Amino acid sequence: MYMNNDFSEQPKIHAAGVLPMRRPAEHHEALRPNDSALRAMTDFTSKFAITVEPERQIDAALADMARLSVRAMLVVRGESVVGLVTSYNIEGRRAERFAEQYQVARERITVGDIMTEWEDLPTLDWQTLQTARISDLLEMFEGIGVMHLLVIESDERGAEVLRGLISRSRIERQLRDVEPVM
């Protein structure tokens, strides 16, 4: 019987372990304007959605974003997506305006106070996305002036299921990675 289950050569220094910081993906493949728009979507059927509850304090949510290397989180209440919050919402004028309007200290502002509500989020149908190109997505982003599009798929009962998320800044970053053809 082992009294100590540490098989490393170095002695343990701490009484508890910690998880490593999540690093962003090493490299997203470069995109071209004529590529399928599907390549730009974070597909929630294969990747975990990063979520936050509406009651979370905004600075704690911002710290979560930094720790997870994301700039937006889906806001969920139970099993339902009720909105989207971005680092820009928290760091920009939206939080300041809320504090001024309702005379509350920043420490008391929650994600639910400043998120973009589900019904106000721009969406794109899954069927439409399948035939779209990256250039089509950029036109949509430019036309409506947003940074994120939610991709909606209807399930067998006709309910809206959030299939994925498309980030304008991620597309632009990946397009910049393309080397010019000479």
N, C-alpha and C. Protein backbone atom coordinates (compact mmCIF):
# COMPACT_ATOMS: atom_id res chain seq x y z
N MET A 1 0.85 -1.18 0.00
CA MET A 1 0.00 0.00 0.00
C MET A 1 0.89 1.24 0.00
N TYR A 2 0.53 2.20 -0.89
CA TYR A 2 1.28 3.45 -0.98
C TYR A 2 0.77 4.45 0.04
N MET A 3 1.68 5.08 0.73
CA MET A 3 1.31 6.13 1.67
C MET A 3 1.25 7.47 0.95
N ASN A 4 1.99 7.61 -0.12
CA ASN A 4 2.04 8.85 -0.88
C ASN A 4 1.86 8.48 -2.34
N ASN A 5 0.87 9.04 -3.00
CA ASN A 5 0.63 8.70 -4.39
C ASN A 5 1.27 9.68 -5.36
N ASP A 6 2.25 10.42 -4.91
CA ASP A 6 2.98 11.35 -5.78
C ASP A 6 4.16 10.59 -6.37
N PHE A 7 4.12 10.35 -7.66
CA PHE A 7 5.16 9.58 -8.33
C PHE A 7 6.19 10.47 -9.01
N SER A 8 6.09 11.78 -8.83
CA SER A 8 7.07 12.67 -9.44
C SER A 8 8.33 12.70 -8.60
N GLU A 9 9.40 13.18 -9.20
CA GLU A 9 10.67 13.25 -8.49
C GLU A 9 10.76 14.49 -7.61
N GLN A 10 9.92 15.49 -7.91
CA GLN A 10 9.94 16.73 -7.15
C GLN A 10 8.92 16.68 -6.03
N PRO A 11 9.24 17.24 -4.88
CA PRO A 11 8.25 17.26 -3.79
C PRO A 11 7.12 18.25 -4.12
N LYS A 12 5.94 17.99 -3.59
CA LYS A 12 4.82 18.91 -3.77
C LYS A 12 5.08 20.16 -2.94
N ILE A 13 4.83 21.30 -3.57
CA ILE A 13 5.09 22.57 -2.89
C ILE A 13 3.80 23.13 -2.29
N HIS A 14 2.70 22.93 -3.00
CA HIS A 14 1.44 23.54 -2.59
C HIS A 14 0.48 22.48 -2.05
N ALA A 15 -0.47 22.94 -1.27
CA ALA A 15 -1.47 22.05 -0.69
C ALA A 15 -2.59 21.74 -1.68
N ALA A 16 -2.70 22.53 -2.73
CA ALA A 16 -3.75 22.31 -3.73
C ALA A 16 -3.20 22.65 -5.10
N GLY A 17 -3.76 22.03 -6.13
CA GLY A 17 -3.36 22.33 -7.49
C GLY A 17 -4.27 23.39 -8.09
N VAL A 18 -3.81 24.01 -9.16
CA VAL A 18 -4.64 24.97 -9.88
C VAL A 18 -4.66 24.58 -11.34
N LEU A 19 -5.73 24.94 -12.01
CA LEU A 19 -5.82 24.67 -13.44
C LEU A 19 -5.06 25.73 -14.22
N PRO A 20 -4.50 25.37 -15.36
CA PRO A 20 -3.77 26.37 -16.14
C PRO A 20 -4.71 27.37 -16.77
N MET A 21 -4.17 28.54 -17.12
CA MET A 21 -4.94 29.53 -17.86
C MET A 21 -5.25 28.95 -19.22
N ARG A 22 -6.47 29.18 -19.71
CA ARG A 22 -6.84 28.72 -21.05
C ARG A 22 -6.15 29.64 -22.05
N ARG A 23 -5.49 29.04 -23.01
CA ARG A 23 -4.83 29.82 -24.04
C ARG A 23 -5.69 29.84 -25.29
N PRO A 24 -5.66 30.97 -26.02
CA PRO A 24 -6.40 30.97 -27.27
C PRO A 24 -5.81 29.94 -28.21
N ALA A 25 -6.60 29.51 -29.17
CA ALA A 25 -6.11 28.53 -30.14
C ALA A 25 -4.82 29.05 -30.76
N GLU A 26 -3.90 28.15 -30.94
CA GLU A 26 -2.59 28.54 -31.47
C GLU A 26 -2.70 29.28 -32.79
N HIS A 27 -3.56 28.77 -33.64
CA HIS A 27 -3.68 29.41 -34.94
C HIS A 27 -5.00 29.04 -35.58
N HIS A 28 -5.74 30.05 -35.94
CA HIS A 28 -6.93 29.81 -36.75
C HIS A 28 -6.48 29.90 -38.19
N GLU A 29 -6.99 29.00 -39.01
CA GLU A 29 -6.62 29.03 -40.41
C GLU A 29 -7.05 30.35 -41.03
N ALA A 30 -6.21 30.85 -41.92
CA ALA A 30 -6.53 32.09 -42.61
C ALA A 30 -7.79 31.88 -43.46
N LEU A 31 -8.56 32.94 -43.58
CA LEU A 31 -9.77 32.91 -44.40
C LEU A 31 -9.56 33.76 -45.65
N ARG A 32 -10.32 33.45 -46.65
CA ARG A 32 -10.38 34.25 -47.86
C ARG A 32 -11.84 34.67 -48.06
N PRO A 33 -12.08 35.82 -48.67
CA PRO A 33 -13.45 36.31 -48.82
C PRO A 33 -14.40 35.33 -49.51
N ASN A 34 -13.89 34.47 -50.40
CA ASN A 34 -14.74 33.54 -51.12
C ASN A 34 -14.94 32.21 -50.40
N ASP A 35 -14.31 32.03 -49.23
CA ASP A 35 -14.48 30.80 -48.45
C ASP A 35 -15.91 30.68 -47.94
N SER A 36 -16.31 29.46 -47.63
CA SER A 36 -17.62 29.20 -47.05
C SER A 36 -17.73 29.91 -45.70
N ALA A 37 -18.88 30.51 -45.46
CA ALA A 37 -19.13 31.20 -44.19
C ALA A 37 -19.13 30.22 -43.01
N LEU A 38 -19.35 28.94 -43.29
CA LEU A 38 -19.32 27.94 -42.22
C LEU A 38 -17.98 27.93 -41.50
N ARG A 39 -16.91 28.28 -42.21
CA ARG A 39 -15.57 28.27 -41.61
C ARG A 39 -15.40 29.34 -40.53
N ALA A 40 -16.29 30.32 -40.51
CA ALA A 40 -16.17 31.42 -39.55
C ALA A 40 -16.98 31.20 -38.29
N MET A 41 -17.82 30.17 -38.28
CA MET A 41 -18.72 29.97 -37.16
C MET A 41 -18.10 29.10 -36.07
N THR A 42 -18.30 29.50 -34.83
CA THR A 42 -18.03 28.63 -33.69
C THR A 42 -19.27 27.77 -33.55
N ASP A 43 -19.12 26.48 -33.82
CA ASP A 43 -20.25 25.55 -33.86
C ASP A 43 -20.45 24.92 -32.49
N PHE A 44 -21.59 25.22 -31.87
CA PHE A 44 -21.87 24.72 -30.52
C PHE A 44 -22.25 23.25 -30.50
N THR A 45 -22.31 22.60 -31.65
CA THR A 45 -22.51 21.15 -31.63
C THR A 45 -21.18 20.44 -31.40
N SER A 46 -20.06 21.17 -31.57
CA SER A 46 -18.76 20.55 -31.36
C SER A 46 -17.87 21.31 -30.37
N LYS A 47 -18.24 22.54 -30.01
CA LYS A 47 -17.46 23.33 -29.05
C LYS A 47 -18.40 23.85 -27.97
N PHE A 48 -17.86 23.94 -26.77
CA PHE A 48 -18.65 24.46 -25.66
C PHE A 48 -18.89 25.95 -25.83
N ALA A 49 -20.11 26.37 -25.56
CA ALA A 49 -20.43 27.79 -25.53
C ALA A 49 -19.94 28.36 -24.20
N ILE A 50 -19.34 29.52 -24.24
CA ILE A 50 -18.89 30.19 -23.02
C ILE A 50 -20.09 31.01 -22.53
N THR A 51 -20.54 30.72 -21.32
CA THR A 51 -21.76 31.34 -20.81
C THR A 51 -21.55 32.02 -19.46
N VAL A 52 -22.50 32.87 -19.13
CA VAL A 52 -22.51 33.57 -17.86
C VAL A 52 -23.97 33.75 -17.45
N GLU A 53 -24.22 33.82 -16.17
CA GLU A 53 -25.57 34.05 -15.67
C GLU A 53 -25.83 35.55 -15.58
N PRO A 54 -27.07 35.97 -15.77
CA PRO A 54 -27.37 37.41 -15.75
C PRO A 54 -27.09 38.08 -14.41
N GLU A 55 -27.06 37.31 -13.33
CA GLU A 55 -26.82 37.88 -12.00
C GLU A 55 -25.34 38.15 -11.70
N ARG A 56 -24.44 37.71 -12.58
CA ARG A 56 -23.00 37.87 -12.34
C ARG A 56 -22.62 39.35 -12.42
N GLN A 57 -21.81 39.81 -11.50
CA GLN A 57 -21.34 41.19 -11.49
C GLN A 57 -20.46 41.42 -12.72
N ILE A 58 -20.55 42.60 -13.35
CA ILE A 58 -19.90 42.82 -14.65
C ILE A 58 -18.38 42.72 -14.60
N ASP A 59 -17.74 43.20 -13.54
CA ASP A 59 -16.28 43.11 -13.50
C ASP A 59 -15.82 41.67 -13.31
N ALA A 60 -16.62 40.87 -12.59
CA ALA A 60 -16.31 39.44 -12.46
C ALA A 60 -16.46 38.77 -13.82
N ALA A 61 -17.49 39.13 -14.57
CA ALA A 61 -17.69 38.58 -15.92
C ALA A 61 -16.54 38.99 -16.84
N LEU A 62 -16.09 40.22 -16.73
CA LEU A 62 -14.96 40.70 -17.54
C LEU A 62 -13.69 39.92 -17.21
N ALA A 63 -13.48 39.63 -15.94
CA ALA A 63 -12.33 38.83 -15.53
C ALA A 63 -12.44 37.41 -16.09
N ASP A 64 -13.66 36.87 -16.11
CA ASP A 64 -13.88 35.55 -16.71
C ASP A 64 -13.52 35.58 -18.19
N MET A 65 -13.93 36.63 -18.89
CA MET A 65 -13.61 36.76 -20.32
C MET A 65 -12.10 36.76 -20.53
N ALA A 66 -11.40 37.53 -19.72
CA ALA A 66 -9.94 37.60 -19.86
C ALA A 66 -9.32 36.23 -19.59
N ARG A 67 -9.78 35.56 -18.56
CA ARG A 67 -9.25 34.25 -18.20
C ARG A 67 -9.51 33.21 -19.29
N LEU A 68 -10.66 33.32 -19.96
CA LEU A 68 -11.05 32.36 -20.99
C LEU A 68 -10.66 32.80 -22.40
N SER A 69 -10.03 33.96 -22.52
CA SER A 69 -9.59 34.51 -23.82
C SER A 69 -10.75 34.68 -24.80
N VAL A 70 -11.85 35.24 -24.31
CA VAL A 70 -12.99 35.54 -25.17
C VAL A 70 -13.39 37.00 -24.95
N ARG A 71 -14.13 37.55 -25.90
CA ARG A 71 -14.58 38.93 -25.79
C ARG A 71 -16.10 39.02 -25.68
N ALA A 72 -16.77 37.86 -25.70
CA ALA A 72 -18.23 37.83 -25.58
C ALA A 72 -18.64 36.53 -24.90
N MET A 73 -19.76 36.60 -24.17
CA MET A 73 -20.31 35.41 -23.53
C MET A 73 -21.82 35.41 -23.71
N LEU A 74 -22.35 34.23 -23.94
CA LEU A 74 -23.80 34.07 -23.99
C LEU A 74 -24.33 34.16 -22.57
N VAL A 75 -25.44 34.85 -22.40
CA VAL A 75 -26.04 34.98 -21.08
C VAL A 75 -27.17 33.95 -21.00
N VAL A 76 -27.09 33.09 -19.98
CA VAL A 76 -28.06 32.01 -19.85
C VAL A 76 -28.77 32.06 -18.50
N ARG A 77 -30.03 31.71 -18.56
CA ARG A 77 -30.83 31.53 -17.35
C ARG A 77 -31.38 30.11 -17.45
N GLY A 78 -30.84 29.22 -16.63
CA GLY A 78 -31.21 27.82 -16.73
C GLY A 78 -30.72 27.26 -18.05
N GLU A 79 -31.63 26.71 -18.85
CA GLU A 79 -31.29 26.14 -20.16
C GLU A 79 -31.49 27.13 -21.30
N SER A 80 -31.95 28.35 -20.99
CA SER A 80 -32.30 29.31 -22.04
C SER A 80 -31.24 30.39 -22.20
N VAL A 81 -30.92 30.68 -23.45
CA VAL A 81 -30.04 31.81 -23.77
C VAL A 81 -30.92 33.05 -23.77
N VAL A 82 -30.59 34.02 -22.91
CA VAL A 82 -31.41 35.22 -22.79
C VAL A 82 -30.73 36.46 -23.34
N GLY A 83 -29.44 36.35 -23.71
CA GLY A 83 -28.75 37.52 -24.24
C GLY A 83 -27.29 37.25 -24.52
N LEU A 84 -26.59 38.33 -24.82
CA LEU A 84 -25.15 38.30 -25.10
C LEU A 84 -24.53 39.51 -24.43
N VAL A 85 -23.40 39.31 -23.80
CA VAL A 85 -22.65 40.42 -23.22
C VAL A 85 -21.24 40.38 -23.79
N THR A 86 -20.71 41.56 -24.09
CA THR A 86 -19.37 41.66 -24.65
C THR A 86 -18.49 42.47 -23.72
N SER A 87 -17.20 42.34 -23.91
CA SER A 87 -16.26 43.14 -23.11
C SER A 87 -16.49 44.63 -23.40
N TYR A 88 -16.89 44.93 -24.63
CA TYR A 88 -17.17 46.33 -24.98
C TYR A 88 -18.38 46.85 -24.20
N ASN A 89 -19.40 46.01 -24.00
CA ASN A 89 -20.55 46.43 -23.18
C ASN A 89 -20.10 46.81 -21.77
N ILE A 90 -19.19 46.02 -21.24
CA ILE A 90 -18.74 46.22 -19.86
C ILE A 90 -17.78 47.39 -19.75
N GLU A 91 -16.83 47.48 -20.66
CA GLU A 91 -15.81 48.52 -20.58
C GLU A 91 -16.23 49.84 -21.23
N GLY A 92 -17.23 49.79 -22.07
CA GLY A 92 -17.66 50.99 -22.80
C GLY A 92 -18.69 51.80 -22.05
N ARG A 93 -19.41 52.61 -22.80
CA ARG A 93 -20.37 53.55 -22.23
C ARG A 93 -21.64 52.89 -21.67
N ARG A 94 -21.96 51.68 -22.09
CA ARG A 94 -23.21 51.06 -21.66
C ARG A 94 -23.27 50.93 -20.14
N ALA A 95 -22.19 50.44 -19.54
CA ALA A 95 -22.17 50.29 -18.07
C ALA A 95 -22.20 51.66 -17.39
N GLU A 96 -21.47 52.62 -17.94
CA GLU A 96 -21.47 53.97 -17.36
C GLU A 96 -22.86 54.59 -17.41
N ARG A 97 -23.52 54.47 -18.56
CA ARG A 97 -24.87 55.04 -18.71
C ARG A 97 -25.85 54.38 -17.72
N PHE A 98 -25.72 53.06 -17.56
CA PHE A 98 -26.60 52.36 -16.63
C PHE A 98 -26.39 52.89 -15.21
N ALA A 99 -25.14 53.03 -14.80
CA ALA A 99 -24.82 53.53 -13.45
C ALA A 99 -25.39 54.93 -13.24
N GLU A 100 -25.24 55.78 -14.25
CA GLU A 100 -25.76 57.16 -14.14
C GLU A 100 -27.28 57.18 -14.10
N GLN A 101 -27.91 56.43 -14.99
CA GLN A 101 -29.37 56.45 -15.09
C GLN A 101 -30.04 55.92 -13.83
N TYR A 102 -29.49 54.85 -13.26
CA TYR A 102 -30.13 54.22 -12.09
C TYR A 102 -29.44 54.56 -10.77
N GLN A 103 -28.44 55.44 -10.83
CA GLN A 103 -27.74 55.88 -9.61
C GLN A 103 -27.23 54.69 -8.80
N VAL A 104 -26.51 53.78 -9.46
CA VAL A 104 -25.93 52.63 -8.77
C VAL A 104 -24.42 52.62 -8.96
N ALA A 105 -23.74 52.07 -7.98
CA ALA A 105 -22.29 51.92 -8.08
C ALA A 105 -21.98 50.82 -9.09
N ARG A 106 -20.86 50.94 -9.76
CA ARG A 106 -20.45 49.95 -10.76
C ARG A 106 -20.44 48.54 -10.17
N GLU A 107 -20.03 48.41 -8.92
CA GLU A 107 -19.94 47.11 -8.27
C GLU A 107 -21.29 46.41 -8.16
N ARG A 108 -22.37 47.16 -8.33
CA ARG A 108 -23.72 46.58 -8.21
C ARG A 108 -24.35 46.28 -9.57
N ILE A 109 -23.65 46.58 -10.65
CA ILE A 109 -24.19 46.33 -11.99
C ILE A 109 -23.95 44.87 -12.36
N THR A 110 -24.99 44.23 -12.85
CA THR A 110 -24.88 42.83 -13.25
C THR A 110 -24.90 42.72 -14.78
N VAL A 111 -24.51 41.55 -15.25
CA VAL A 111 -24.52 41.25 -16.68
C VAL A 111 -25.92 41.49 -17.25
N GLY A 112 -26.94 41.05 -16.54
CA GLY A 112 -28.32 41.21 -17.00
C GLY A 112 -28.73 42.66 -17.17
N ASP A 113 -28.08 43.57 -16.45
CA ASP A 113 -28.40 44.99 -16.56
C ASP A 113 -27.94 45.59 -17.88
N ILE A 114 -26.86 45.06 -18.45
CA ILE A 114 -26.27 45.71 -19.64
C ILE A 114 -26.17 44.81 -20.87
N MET A 115 -26.60 43.57 -20.76
CA MET A 115 -26.50 42.65 -21.90
C MET A 115 -27.42 43.10 -23.03
N THR A 116 -27.17 42.57 -24.21
CA THR A 116 -28.10 42.73 -25.32
C THR A 116 -29.09 41.57 -25.21
N GLU A 117 -30.37 41.91 -25.12
CA GLU A 117 -31.42 40.90 -24.94
C GLU A 117 -31.52 40.00 -26.17
N TRP A 118 -31.94 38.75 -25.95
CA TRP A 118 -32.08 37.76 -27.01
C TRP A 118 -32.84 38.32 -28.22
N GLU A 119 -33.98 38.95 -27.97
CA GLU A 119 -34.79 39.43 -29.09
C GLU A 119 -34.14 40.56 -29.88
N ASP A 120 -33.11 41.19 -29.33
CA ASP A 120 -32.40 42.27 -30.02
C ASP A 120 -31.12 41.80 -30.71
N LEU A 121 -30.78 40.53 -30.57
CA LEU A 121 -29.55 40.02 -31.17
C LEU A 121 -29.77 39.68 -32.64
N PRO A 122 -28.82 40.06 -33.49
CA PRO A 122 -28.95 39.72 -34.91
C PRO A 122 -28.68 38.23 -35.12
N THR A 123 -29.55 37.61 -35.89
CA THR A 123 -29.43 36.17 -36.12
C THR A 123 -29.37 35.87 -37.61
N LEU A 124 -28.84 34.70 -37.90
CA LEU A 124 -28.74 34.20 -39.25
C LEU A 124 -29.19 32.76 -39.22
N ASP A 125 -30.04 32.39 -40.16
CA ASP A 125 -30.55 31.03 -40.22
C ASP A 125 -29.45 30.07 -40.67
N TRP A 126 -29.40 28.89 -40.07
CA TRP A 126 -28.42 27.86 -40.40
C TRP A 126 -28.44 27.52 -41.88
N GLN A 127 -29.64 27.41 -42.47
CA GLN A 127 -29.75 27.07 -43.89
C GLN A 127 -29.11 28.15 -44.76
N THR A 128 -29.32 29.40 -44.41
CA THR A 128 -28.73 30.52 -45.17
C THR A 128 -27.22 30.49 -45.05
N LEU A 129 -26.73 30.22 -43.85
CA LEU A 129 -25.29 30.21 -43.63
C LEU A 129 -24.58 29.18 -44.50
N GLN A 130 -25.23 28.06 -44.73
CA GLN A 130 -24.60 26.98 -45.49
C GLN A 130 -24.25 27.37 -46.93
N THR A 131 -24.93 28.36 -47.48
CA THR A 131 -24.64 28.78 -48.85
C THR A 131 -23.91 30.12 -48.91
N ALA A 132 -23.71 30.75 -47.77
CA ALA A 132 -23.07 32.07 -47.73
C ALA A 132 -21.55 31.96 -47.80
N ARG A 133 -20.93 33.05 -48.15
CA ARG A 133 -19.47 33.19 -48.22
C ARG A 133 -19.01 34.17 -47.13
N ILE A 134 -17.74 34.18 -46.85
CA ILE A 134 -17.17 35.12 -45.87
C ILE A 134 -17.50 36.55 -46.27
N SER A 135 -17.39 36.86 -47.56
CA SER A 135 -17.70 38.22 -48.03
C SER A 135 -19.15 38.59 -47.73
N ASP A 136 -20.07 37.62 -47.79
CA ASP A 136 -21.48 37.88 -47.46
C ASP A 136 -21.61 38.25 -45.98
N LEU A 137 -20.88 37.54 -45.12
CA LEU A 137 -20.92 37.84 -43.69
C LEU A 137 -20.41 39.26 -43.42
N LEU A 138 -19.32 39.62 -44.09
CA LEU A 138 -18.76 40.97 -43.89
C LEU A 138 -19.75 42.04 -44.32
N GLU A 139 -20.48 41.80 -45.40
CA GLU A 139 -21.51 42.75 -45.84
C GLU A 139 -22.61 42.86 -44.79
N MET A 140 -23.00 41.73 -44.22
CA MET A 140 -24.03 41.75 -43.16
C MET A 140 -23.54 42.54 -41.96
N PHE A 141 -22.33 42.26 -41.52
CA PHE A 141 -21.78 42.98 -40.36
C PHE A 141 -21.74 44.47 -40.63
N GLU A 142 -21.28 44.85 -41.81
CA GLU A 142 -21.19 46.26 -42.18
C GLU A 142 -22.58 46.89 -42.23
N GLY A 143 -23.53 46.16 -42.81
CA GLY A 143 -24.88 46.70 -42.98
C GLY A 143 -25.62 46.93 -41.68
N ILE A 144 -25.43 46.06 -40.71
CA ILE A 144 -26.17 46.21 -39.45
C ILE A 144 -25.31 46.77 -38.31
N GLY A 145 -24.00 46.89 -38.54
CA GLY A 145 -23.13 47.54 -37.56
C GLY A 145 -22.97 46.80 -36.24
N VAL A 146 -22.85 45.48 -36.30
CA VAL A 146 -22.66 44.70 -35.07
C VAL A 146 -21.36 43.91 -35.16
N MET A 147 -20.98 43.31 -34.05
CA MET A 147 -19.74 42.53 -34.00
C MET A 147 -19.98 41.03 -33.94
N HIS A 148 -21.22 40.60 -33.67
CA HIS A 148 -21.53 39.17 -33.54
C HIS A 148 -22.85 38.84 -34.22
N LEU A 149 -22.89 37.67 -34.81
CA LEU A 149 -24.12 37.12 -35.37
C LEU A 149 -24.36 35.76 -34.72
N LEU A 150 -25.60 35.50 -34.33
CA LEU A 150 -25.96 34.20 -33.80
C LEU A 150 -26.56 33.37 -34.92
N VAL A 151 -26.17 32.12 -35.00
CA VAL A 151 -26.69 31.23 -36.03
C VAL A 151 -27.76 30.35 -35.38
N ILE A 152 -28.96 30.41 -35.96
CA ILE A 152 -30.12 29.71 -35.41
C ILE A 152 -30.52 28.56 -36.32
N GLU A 153 -30.80 27.43 -35.70
CA GLU A 153 -31.28 26.26 -36.42
C GLU A 153 -32.59 25.83 -35.78
N SER A 154 -33.56 25.44 -36.57
CA SER A 154 -34.83 24.97 -36.03
C SER A 154 -34.73 23.47 -35.76
N ASP A 155 -35.20 23.07 -34.58
CA ASP A 155 -35.20 21.64 -34.27
C ASP A 155 -36.46 21.00 -34.87
N GLU A 156 -36.65 19.70 -34.61
CA GLU A 156 -37.78 18.98 -35.22
C GLU A 156 -39.13 19.51 -34.78
N ARG A 157 -39.21 20.20 -33.65
CA ARG A 157 -40.48 20.79 -33.18
C ARG A 157 -40.66 22.22 -33.66
N GLY A 158 -39.62 22.76 -34.33
CA GLY A 158 -39.70 24.14 -34.81
C GLY A 158 -39.14 25.15 -33.84
N ALA A 159 -38.59 24.70 -32.71
CA ALA A 159 -38.01 25.61 -31.73
C ALA A 159 -36.66 26.12 -32.24
N GLU A 160 -36.33 27.37 -31.87
CA GLU A 160 -35.05 27.94 -32.25
C GLU A 160 -33.94 27.39 -31.37
N VAL A 161 -32.93 26.82 -32.00
CA VAL A 161 -31.77 26.30 -31.28
C VAL A 161 -30.57 27.13 -31.72
N LEU A 162 -29.81 27.60 -30.75
CA LEU A 162 -28.62 28.39 -31.06
C LEU A 162 -27.52 27.44 -31.52
N ARG A 163 -27.25 27.43 -32.81
CA ARG A 163 -26.28 26.50 -33.40
C ARG A 163 -24.85 27.01 -33.27
N GLY A 164 -24.67 28.35 -33.38
CA GLY A 164 -23.31 28.86 -33.34
C GLY A 164 -23.25 30.37 -33.23
N LEU A 165 -22.02 30.86 -33.24
CA LEU A 165 -21.74 32.29 -33.10
C LEU A 165 -20.67 32.66 -34.12
N ILE A 166 -20.84 33.81 -34.74
CA ILE A 166 -19.85 34.32 -35.69
C ILE A 166 -19.38 35.67 -35.18
N SER A 167 -18.06 35.83 -35.10
CA SER A 167 -17.45 37.06 -34.61
C SER A 167 -16.82 37.83 -35.77
N ARG A 168 -17.22 39.07 -35.92
CA ARG A 168 -16.65 39.92 -36.97
C ARG A 168 -15.16 40.12 -36.76
N SER A 169 -14.73 40.39 -35.54
CA SER A 169 -13.31 40.65 -35.30
C SER A 169 -12.47 39.41 -35.59
N ARG A 170 -12.99 38.23 -35.30
CA ARG A 170 -12.25 37.00 -35.62
C ARG A 170 -12.09 36.84 -37.13
N ILE A 171 -13.16 37.11 -37.89
CA ILE A 171 -13.07 37.03 -39.35
C ILE A 171 -12.03 38.01 -39.86
N GLU A 172 -12.11 39.24 -39.40
CA GLU A 172 -11.16 40.27 -39.86
C GLU A 172 -9.73 39.89 -39.52
N ARG A 173 -9.52 39.33 -38.34
CA ARG A 173 -8.18 38.89 -37.94
C ARG A 173 -7.68 37.77 -38.86
N GLN A 174 -8.55 36.81 -39.17
CA GLN A 174 -8.17 35.70 -40.02
C GLN A 174 -7.97 36.13 -41.47
N LEU A 175 -8.69 37.13 -41.92
CA LEU A 175 -8.48 37.64 -43.28
C LEU A 175 -7.14 38.36 -43.39
N ARG A 176 -6.74 39.02 -42.31
CA ARG A 176 -5.43 39.71 -42.31
C ARG A 176 -4.27 38.72 -42.39
N ASP A 177 -4.52 37.48 -41.96
CA ASP A 177 -3.48 36.46 -41.96
C ASP A 177 -3.19 35.92 -43.37
N VAL A 178 -4.05 36.28 -44.33
CA VAL A 178 -3.88 35.80 -45.70
C VAL A 178 -2.72 36.56 -46.36
N GLU A 179 -1.80 35.81 -46.90
CA GLU A 179 -0.70 36.45 -47.62
C GLU A 179 -1.17 36.81 -49.02
N PRO A 180 -0.82 38.02 -49.49
CA PRO A 180 -1.25 38.41 -50.82
C PRO A 180 -0.66 37.49 -51.90
N VAL A 181 -1.48 37.20 -52.91
CA VAL A 181 -1.05 36.37 -54.02
C VAL A 181 -0.44 37.28 -55.09
N MET A 182 0.78 36.92 -55.55
CA MET A 182 1.44 37.76 -56.57
C MET A 182 1.61 37.03 -57.84
